[in-house]
Amino acid sequence: MATGLDIAGTTALVVGGTGGLGREIVAELSRRGSRVITAARTGTASDTHILADLRSADDAGRVVEETILRTGRLDIVVHAVAFAPREA
């Protein structure tokens, strides 16, 4: 009996993949065989992590382009960014 989609061999981009829920999503995608690229404003840039401020349309486009350049494809996109409301 299948326990979910077969995503082995896919490439996933997880925006906000360095914090709480995003980190868990990255772990599950990886466990299921997906190559995962993360993007966030914090962390250390690496082969699997892109530093970017996704509030910027230019950075959003750059993250997608870099993911495809690094992996040759992009099959899954997860938006796991949490924003706390600003106090007035």
C-alpha atoms as a PDB file:
ATOM      1  CA  MET A   1       0.000   0.000   0.000  1.00  0.00           C
ATOM      2  CA  ALA A   2       1.395   3.403  -1.002  1.00  0.00           C
ATOM      3  CA  THR A   3       2.044   5.932   1.739  1.00  0.00           C
ATOM      4  CA  GLY A   4       2.111   9.023  -0.450  1.00  0.00           C
ATOM      5  CA  LEU A   5       3.414  10.399  -3.679  1.00  0.00           C
ATOM      6  CA  ASP A   6       6.596   8.976  -5.150  1.00  0.00           C
ATOM      7  CA  ILE A   7       8.852  12.021  -5.330  1.00  0.00           C
ATOM      8  CA  ALA A   8      12.185  10.230  -5.582  1.00  0.00           C
ATOM      9  CA  GLY A   9      14.428  11.953  -8.096  1.00  0.00           C
ATOM     10  CA  THR A  10      12.581  15.272  -8.007  1.00  0.00           C
ATOM     11  CA  THR A  11      13.985  18.655  -7.046  1.00  0.00           C
ATOM     12  CA  ALA A  12      12.219  20.713  -4.403  1.00  0.00           C
ATOM     13  CA  LEU A  13      12.717  24.349  -3.461  1.00  0.00           C
ATOM     14  CA  VAL A  14      11.684  25.112   0.119  1.00  0.00           C
ATOM     15  CA  VAL A  15      11.472  28.816   0.826  1.00  0.00           C
ATOM     16  CA  GLY A  16      11.903  29.299   4.558  1.00  0.00           C
ATOM     17  CA  GLY A  17      13.386  25.846   4.875  1.00  0.00           C
ATOM     18  CA  THR A  18      15.707  26.752   7.744  1.00  0.00           C
ATOM     19  CA  GLY A  19      13.147  27.287  10.502  1.00  0.00           C
ATOM     20  CA  GLY A  20      10.689  25.097  12.422  1.00  0.00           C
ATOM     21  CA  LEU A  21       8.095  23.800   9.978  1.00  0.00           C
ATOM     22  CA  GLY A  22      10.308  24.393   6.941  1.00  0.00           C
ATOM     23  CA  ARG A  23      13.093  22.319   8.447  1.00  0.00           C
ATOM     24  CA  GLU A  24      10.641  19.427   8.987  1.00  0.00           C
ATOM     25  CA  ILE A  25       9.399  19.706   5.398  1.00  0.00           C
ATOM     26  CA  VAL A  26      12.993  19.597   4.126  1.00  0.00           C
ATOM     27  CA  ALA A  27      13.666  16.482   6.200  1.00  0.00           C
ATOM     28  CA  GLU A  28      10.568  14.697   4.879  1.00  0.00           C
ATOM     29  CA  LEU A  29      11.202  15.622   1.244  1.00  0.00           C
ATOM     30  CA  SER A  30      14.796  14.419   1.598  1.00  0.00           C
ATOM     31  CA  ARG A  31      13.671  11.198   3.269  1.00  0.00           C
ATOM     32  CA  ARG A  32      11.380  10.533   0.296  1.00  0.00           C
ATOM     33  CA  GLY A  33      14.251  10.984  -2.166  1.00  0.00           C
ATOM     34  CA  SER A  34      13.841  14.556  -3.358  1.00  0.00           C
ATOM     35  CA  ARG A  35      16.889  16.768  -3.797  1.00  0.00           C
ATOM     36  CA  VAL A  36      16.105  19.854  -1.707  1.00  0.00           C
ATOM     37  CA  ILE A  37      17.298  23.420  -2.133  1.00  0.00           C
ATOM     38  CA  THR A  38      16.410  25.898   0.602  1.00  0.00           C
ATOM     39  CA  ALA A  39      16.172  29.671   0.387  1.00  0.00           C
ATOM     40  CA  ALA A  40      16.012  32.137   3.255  1.00  0.00           C
ATOM     41  CA  ARG A  41      17.322  35.503   4.409  1.00  0.00           C
ATOM     42  CA  THR A  42      19.499  33.824   7.033  1.00  0.00           C
ATOM     43  CA  GLY A  43      21.988  30.996   7.133  1.00  0.00           C
ATOM     44  CA  THR A  44      25.148  30.286   5.221  1.00  0.00           C
ATOM     45  CA  ALA A  45      25.077  30.081   1.427  1.00  0.00           C
ATOM     46  CA  SER A  46      25.977  26.610   0.139  1.00  0.00           C
ATOM     47  CA  ASP A  47      25.251  24.197  -2.703  1.00  0.00           C
ATOM     48  CA  THR A  48      21.851  23.505  -1.120  1.00  0.00           C
ATOM     49  CA  HIS A  49      21.033  26.891   0.455  1.00  0.00           C
ATOM     50  CA  ILE A  50      20.469  30.192  -1.337  1.00  0.00           C
ATOM     51  CA  LEU A  51      20.515  33.455   0.598  1.00  0.00           C
ATOM     52  CA  ALA A  52      17.684  35.665  -0.600  1.00  0.00           C
ATOM     53  CA  ASP A  53      15.006  38.062   0.577  1.00  0.00           C
ATOM     54  CA  LEU A  54      11.870  36.673  -1.020  1.00  0.00           C
ATOM     55  CA  ARG A  55      10.002  39.913  -0.381  1.00  0.00           C
ATOM     56  CA  SER A  56      11.922  41.096  -3.448  1.00  0.00           C
ATOM     57  CA  ALA A  57      10.585  39.986  -6.836  1.00  0.00           C
ATOM     58  CA  ASP A  58      14.143  40.085  -8.195  1.00  0.00           C
ATOM     59  CA  ASP A  59      15.373  37.725  -5.467  1.00  0.00           C
ATOM     60  CA  ALA A  60      12.395  35.412  -5.984  1.00  0.00           C
ATOM     61  CA  GLY A  61      13.220  35.078  -9.669  1.00  0.00           C
ATOM     62  CA  ARG A  62      16.916  34.607  -8.907  1.00  0.00           C
ATOM     63  CA  VAL A  63      16.175  31.765  -6.470  1.00  0.00           C
ATOM     64  CA  VAL A  64      14.161  29.875  -9.083  1.00  0.00           C
ATOM     65  CA  GLU A  65      16.847  30.444 -11.731  1.00  0.00           C
ATOM     66  CA  GLU A  66      19.656  29.376  -9.386  1.00  0.00           C
ATOM     67  CA  THR A  67      17.775  26.248  -8.352  1.00  0.00           C
ATOM     68  CA  ILE A  68      17.343  25.208 -11.989  1.00  0.00           C
ATOM     69  CA  LEU A  69      20.968  26.040 -12.818  1.00  0.00           C
ATOM     70  CA  ARG A  70      22.195  23.949  -9.868  1.00  0.00           C
ATOM     71  CA  THR A  71      19.945  20.948 -10.370  1.00  0.00           C
ATOM     72  CA  GLY A  72      18.695  21.078 -13.950  1.00  0.00           C
ATOM     73  CA  ARG A  73      15.041  21.069 -12.892  1.00  0.00           C
ATOM     74  CA  LEU A  74      12.423  22.310 -10.417  1.00  0.00           C
ATOM     75  CA  ASP A  75       9.479  20.043  -9.631  1.00  0.00           C
ATOM     76  CA  ILE A  76       8.196  21.115  -6.217  1.00  0.00           C
ATOM     77  CA  VAL A  77       7.989  24.535  -4.544  1.00  0.00           C
ATOM     78  CA  VAL A  78       7.054  24.895  -0.877  1.00  0.00           C
ATOM     79  CA  HIS A  79       6.458  28.267   0.767  1.00  0.00           C
ATOM     80  CA  ALA A  80       7.173  27.751   4.473  1.00  0.00           C
ATOM     81  CA  VAL A  81       7.911  31.346   5.453  1.00  0.00           C
ATOM     82  CA  ALA A  82       6.246  32.668   8.581  1.00  0.00           C
ATOM     83  CA  PHE A  83       5.879  36.363   9.147  1.00  0.00           C
ATOM     84  CA  ALA A  84       5.125  37.833  12.537  1.00  0.00           C
ATOM     85  CA  PRO A  85       2.790  40.827  12.411  1.00  0.00           C
ATOM     86  CA  ARG A  86       4.485  44.130  12.986  1.00  0.00           C
ATOM     87  CA  GLU A  87       3.445  46.026  16.046  1.00  0.00           C
ATOM     88  CA  ALA A  88       1.952  49.462  15.413  1.00  0.00           C
END
